[in-house]
Structure formats: structure tokens, C-alpha cells
Amino acid sequence: MSSGPAVIVNKGKGGFLSALARGLFGTIMTVVVCGTALGLYGMHMVDKHFGRLAQQVIDAWPQWQQALPPVLADALNDRRAPEYRESLNITTRYVPDRRDTARGALVLDIQNQGAETVSLLTLRLVVEDESEERFYELSTAAATPLSFGDQRGPLQPGSDREIVQRLWHVAGAPKVKVEINELRVWNGPAERPQAETPALPRGERDQRQSESPA
């Protein structure tokens, strides 16, 4: 009697739920793989073309600035000036609420002691209270090129500006750290090209010359 290889036959059949699960997970894996591939390709294209696009925007900025309305062109005629921070005196104080000592107001006092107009000033504030467990991280624009709505406008030389930030759930007297993120100063009115006098047709030009006194 010879013995052959054993063959095991699985007679069990998957039910509807198992087939549905396999199909669902297969679809999810396909979507994840395709999404990852598309994301990597998109990042590659952005990295390839972003530098060129940014350079084109920088090169075309003078023409764009000339095309803006005068009020916008003048307001955006500024430059980055991190060294001007030496002319700014920024102090903070905390004013607790009289009815609830766990609430209060953080007051920033910004003095422009220099001779330049600050067109943009953004600050990052880190506030730690006495519990050493709770802190706030706030960002605010202390000066903006234009003044409308919530925009505070530029900070003129010799000006003193107060900004109030509300705080809640404060334990004791908080400590505040102030960091200047962006500082730009105004260059003055933007230069505009002089309008050229349109050339007159030859017949009208000859007529005006003939009418002019000798």
C-alpha cells in the first residue's frame, strides 16, 4: 500500500460580511496608497515651481505697486527693519478684574521713540501665571499699514499705543514674555511715474502751430 501526499481542502466559504470587509479594507488601502502618491507628487511640483513663482512675484512687485491706488501704494511702501526695535519701548502690566480675581486684562504699552513710522509690528506674547501649569500664547498686530476695522494702523514717531488682551483663569500675577515677529517701517510716499502727454495727430498739431503767435 503506497501513501500519497496529503491534500487538505478548505470547504469553508466566507460569508457576506467577510467579503464586504475584505472589499472595504481593500478600497481603503487603495485610496491611501493613491492619496500618498498624489501628495508626494504634489509636494515635488510645489517645491520645483514655488521658487520660480516667488522670484517672479518679487521681480513684478514694482509694477504691481505702481498699478495700485495711491493710498495703497503709499501704505505698502515700507521695508523690513529689525534694527528699529531699539527705538521701541514695550512694557506690559496686568490689571485684575475687581469682581473676579481669576480674570483680568493684559495691557501692552508701546512707545515709538524713534523718528520712523512703524507700518507693521506683530508681537507674540507668552503669559505664565503663578500656578506654573497654565499659560497663554497670544499673537497680535500692534501696527498695520492701514487703519480700518480691527486694523490699528501705523505707529507714528513719538506715539504711545496701548493694547488690551483679555485673560481668564489666571492664578496670581502673571509673567509676560514679548517677542517681536515682524517689524517694518514706512519709506514715505511711493514714487509714481509721470503721465506722458499723448501725441496729437499731425493735422491737429500743424493747426495748433499755425494758430500760435509768432
Protein backbone atom coordinates (compact mmCIF):
# COMPACT_ATOMS: atom_id res chain seq x y z
CA MET A 1 0.00 0.00 0.00
CA SER A 2 1.50 3.33 -1.10
CA SER A 3 0.79 6.57 0.63
CA GLY A 4 0.45 9.74 -1.50
CA PRO A 5 0.77 13.36 -0.43
CA ALA A 6 -1.94 14.64 1.80
CA VAL A 7 -4.15 17.27 0.26
CA ILE A 8 -6.18 19.49 2.53
CA VAL A 9 -9.23 21.08 1.03
CA ASN A 10 -10.81 24.01 2.80
CA LYS A 11 -14.52 23.62 2.26
CA GLY A 12 -15.45 26.64 4.33
CA LYS A 13 -16.88 29.58 2.41
CA GLY A 14 -16.71 33.14 3.55
CA GLY A 15 -19.97 34.81 4.31
CA PHE A 16 -21.33 38.11 3.05
CA LEU A 17 -19.87 40.12 5.95
CA SER A 18 -16.33 38.79 5.42
CA ALA A 19 -16.50 39.56 1.71
CA LEU A 20 -17.79 43.04 2.47
CA ALA A 21 -14.99 43.61 4.99
CA ARG A 22 -12.31 42.47 2.53
CA GLY A 23 -13.71 44.74 -0.16
CA LEU A 24 -13.96 47.71 2.22
CA PHE A 25 -10.41 47.35 3.55
CA GLY A 26 -9.10 46.84 0.05
CA THR A 27 -10.76 50.05 -1.09
CA ILE A 28 -9.35 51.96 1.89
CA MET A 29 -5.82 50.71 1.20
CA THR A 30 -6.13 51.68 -2.45
CA VAL A 31 -7.30 55.18 -1.54
CA VAL A 32 -4.45 55.59 0.98
CA VAL A 33 -1.80 54.47 -1.49
CA CYS A 34 -3.16 56.68 -4.28
CA GLY A 35 -3.51 59.65 -1.94
CA THR A 36 0.06 59.26 -0.70
CA ALA A 37 1.37 59.06 -4.26
CA LEU A 38 -0.58 62.16 -5.31
CA GLY A 39 0.58 64.04 -2.21
CA LEU A 40 4.24 63.24 -2.83
CA TYR A 41 3.90 64.26 -6.47
CA GLY A 42 2.18 67.50 -5.49
CA MET A 43 4.92 68.31 -2.95
CA HIS A 44 7.53 67.69 -5.64
CA MET A 45 5.78 70.02 -8.10
CA VAL A 46 5.31 72.75 -5.47
CA ASP A 47 8.96 72.54 -4.43
CA LYS A 48 10.01 72.69 -8.09
CA HIS A 49 7.90 75.67 -9.11
CA PHE A 50 7.48 77.66 -5.87
CA GLY A 51 10.94 79.20 -6.03
CA ARG A 52 10.39 80.34 -9.59
CA LEU A 53 6.94 81.75 -8.76
CA ALA A 54 8.24 83.61 -5.71
CA GLN A 55 11.04 85.18 -7.75
CA GLN A 56 8.56 86.26 -10.43
CA VAL A 57 6.36 87.91 -7.77
CA ILE A 58 9.36 89.77 -6.33
CA ASP A 59 10.50 90.94 -9.76
CA ALA A 60 7.00 92.13 -10.71
CA TRP A 61 6.28 93.88 -7.39
CA PRO A 62 7.40 97.39 -8.56
CA GLN A 63 4.95 97.23 -11.48
CA TRP A 64 2.17 96.00 -9.21
CA GLN A 65 2.87 98.76 -6.73
CA GLN A 66 2.60 101.41 -9.47
CA ALA A 67 -0.74 99.93 -10.55
CA LEU A 68 -2.22 100.20 -7.03
CA PRO A 69 -4.34 103.18 -5.94
CA PRO A 70 -2.20 105.91 -4.34
CA VAL A 71 -3.47 105.23 -0.81
CA LEU A 72 -2.49 101.55 -1.05
CA ALA A 73 0.79 102.18 -2.86
CA ASP A 74 1.87 104.69 -0.20
CA ALA A 75 0.84 102.43 2.69
CA LEU A 76 2.73 99.42 1.31
CA ASN A 77 5.89 101.35 0.53
CA ASP A 78 7.84 100.03 3.51
CA ARG A 79 10.86 97.89 4.36
CA ARG A 80 11.81 95.32 6.95
CA ALA A 81 13.83 96.96 9.75
CA PRO A 82 14.61 94.61 12.67
CA GLU A 83 17.23 97.07 13.95
CA TYR A 84 14.47 99.63 14.66
CA ARG A 85 13.38 97.59 17.68
CA GLU A 86 15.92 99.59 19.68
CA SER A 87 13.63 102.62 19.19
CA LEU A 88 10.57 100.82 20.58
CA ASN A 89 9.82 100.66 24.28
CA ILE A 90 7.35 97.83 25.02
CA THR A 91 6.09 97.31 28.56
CA THR A 92 3.27 95.15 29.96
CA ARG A 93 1.09 95.25 33.04
CA TYR A 94 -1.71 93.05 34.33
CA VAL A 95 -4.93 94.59 35.63
CA PRO A 96 -7.08 92.06 37.58
CA ASP A 97 -10.84 92.18 37.46
CA ARG A 98 -12.36 93.72 40.60
CA ARG A 99 -15.24 91.24 40.68
CA ASP A 100 -13.29 88.10 39.71
CA THR A 101 -9.59 87.84 40.58
CA ALA A 102 -9.19 84.90 38.15
CA ARG A 103 -9.87 87.24 35.25
CA GLY A 104 -8.13 90.37 34.11
CA ALA A 105 -6.63 92.37 31.29
CA LEU A 106 -3.11 92.35 29.93
CA VAL A 107 -2.17 95.88 28.82
CA LEU A 108 0.68 96.45 26.37
CA ASP A 109 2.20 99.93 26.25
CA ILE A 110 4.18 100.52 23.03
CA GLN A 111 6.16 103.76 22.63
CA ASN A 112 7.76 104.72 19.33
CA GLN A 113 10.76 106.74 20.48
CA GLY A 114 12.43 106.93 17.06
CA ALA A 115 11.99 109.12 14.01
CA GLU A 116 10.45 106.46 11.72
CA THR A 117 6.82 105.46 11.22
CA VAL A 118 6.21 101.80 12.02
CA SER A 119 3.99 100.36 9.29
CA LEU A 120 3.83 96.79 10.61
CA LEU A 121 4.53 95.38 14.05
CA THR A 122 3.45 91.86 15.05
CA LEU A 123 4.05 90.51 18.55
CA ARG A 124 3.99 87.07 20.14
CA LEU A 125 3.10 87.02 23.83
CA VAL A 126 3.67 84.16 26.27
CA VAL A 127 1.85 84.60 29.59
CA GLU A 128 2.58 82.35 32.59
CA ASP A 129 0.72 82.63 35.89
CA GLU A 130 1.88 81.64 39.38
CA SER A 131 0.50 78.11 39.11
CA GLU A 132 3.28 77.23 36.57
CA GLU A 133 0.76 74.96 34.87
CA ARG A 134 -1.36 77.30 32.78
CA PHE A 135 -0.05 79.70 30.16
CA TYR A 136 -1.37 81.71 27.26
CA GLU A 137 0.24 82.17 23.87
CA LEU A 138 -1.16 85.21 22.07
CA SER A 139 -0.38 86.94 18.79
CA THR A 140 -1.36 90.49 17.97
CA ALA A 141 -0.66 93.12 15.31
CA ALA A 142 0.30 96.27 17.18
CA ALA A 143 0.68 98.29 13.97
CA THR A 144 -0.65 97.78 10.45
CA PRO A 145 -0.13 99.69 7.17
CA LEU A 146 -3.79 100.80 7.02
CA SER A 147 -6.31 101.70 9.69
CA PHE A 148 -9.77 100.21 9.14
CA GLY A 149 -11.97 97.82 11.09
CA ASP A 150 -9.81 95.94 13.60
CA GLN A 151 -6.58 97.13 11.94
CA ARG A 152 -4.80 99.56 14.28
CA GLY A 153 -2.92 101.50 11.62
CA PRO A 154 0.71 102.69 11.59
CA LEU A 155 2.55 103.84 14.70
CA GLN A 156 3.75 107.41 14.24
CA PRO A 157 7.01 108.75 15.73
CA GLY A 158 6.55 109.79 19.34
CA SER A 159 3.25 107.90 19.63
CA ASP A 160 2.24 105.84 22.67
CA ARG A 161 -0.19 102.99 21.95
CA GLU A 162 -1.98 100.78 24.47
CA ILE A 163 -3.34 97.35 23.52
CA VAL A 164 -5.61 95.30 25.79
CA GLN A 165 -5.76 91.49 25.80
CA ARG A 166 -8.34 89.73 28.00
CA LEU A 167 -7.23 86.78 30.16
CA TRP A 168 -9.26 84.20 32.06
CA HIS A 169 -8.46 81.64 34.79
CA VAL A 170 -5.32 83.45 35.95
CA ALA A 171 -3.67 82.45 39.23
CA GLY A 172 -1.88 85.37 40.85
CA ALA A 173 0.24 87.89 38.95
CA PRO A 174 1.23 86.56 35.51
CA LYS A 175 4.64 86.93 33.86
CA VAL A 176 4.73 88.08 30.26
CA LYS A 177 7.38 87.50 27.60
CA VAL A 178 7.18 89.67 24.48
CA GLU A 179 8.71 88.64 21.15
CA ILE A 180 8.75 90.80 18.01
CA ASN A 181 7.94 88.66 14.99
CA GLU A 182 7.80 91.27 12.23
CA LEU A 183 8.86 94.91 12.15
CA ARG A 184 8.61 97.17 9.10
CA VAL A 185 8.99 100.93 8.76
CA TRP A 186 7.50 103.29 6.20
CA ASN A 187 9.64 104.64 3.35
CA GLY A 188 7.40 107.60 2.61
CA PRO A 189 5.11 108.30 -0.36
CA ALA A 190 5.63 105.92 -3.24
CA GLU A 191 7.19 107.31 -6.39
CA ARG A 192 4.81 107.40 -9.33
CA PRO A 193 5.76 107.68 -12.99
CA GLN A 194 4.85 111.00 -14.58
CA ALA A 195 1.98 110.82 -17.01
CA GLU A 196 3.11 111.24 -20.58
CA THR A 197 1.36 113.84 -22.75
CA PRO A 198 -0.43 112.00 -25.54
CA ALA A 199 0.84 112.78 -29.02
CA LEU A 200 -1.55 114.81 -31.18
CA PRO A 201 -2.42 113.81 -34.72
CA ARG A 202 -0.26 115.52 -37.34
CA GLY A 203 -3.09 117.64 -38.77
CA GLU A 204 -4.19 118.94 -35.37
CA ARG A 205 -0.57 119.58 -34.36
CA ASP A 206 0.08 121.63 -37.54
CA GLN A 207 -3.13 123.59 -36.94
CA ARG A 208 -2.13 124.48 -33.39
CA GLN A 209 1.32 125.54 -34.54
CA SER A 210 -0.20 127.81 -37.19
CA GLU A 211 -2.54 129.39 -34.62
CA SER A 212 0.20 130.06 -32.12
CA PRO A 213 1.58 133.66 -32.18
CA ALA A 214 4.90 134.11 -33.88
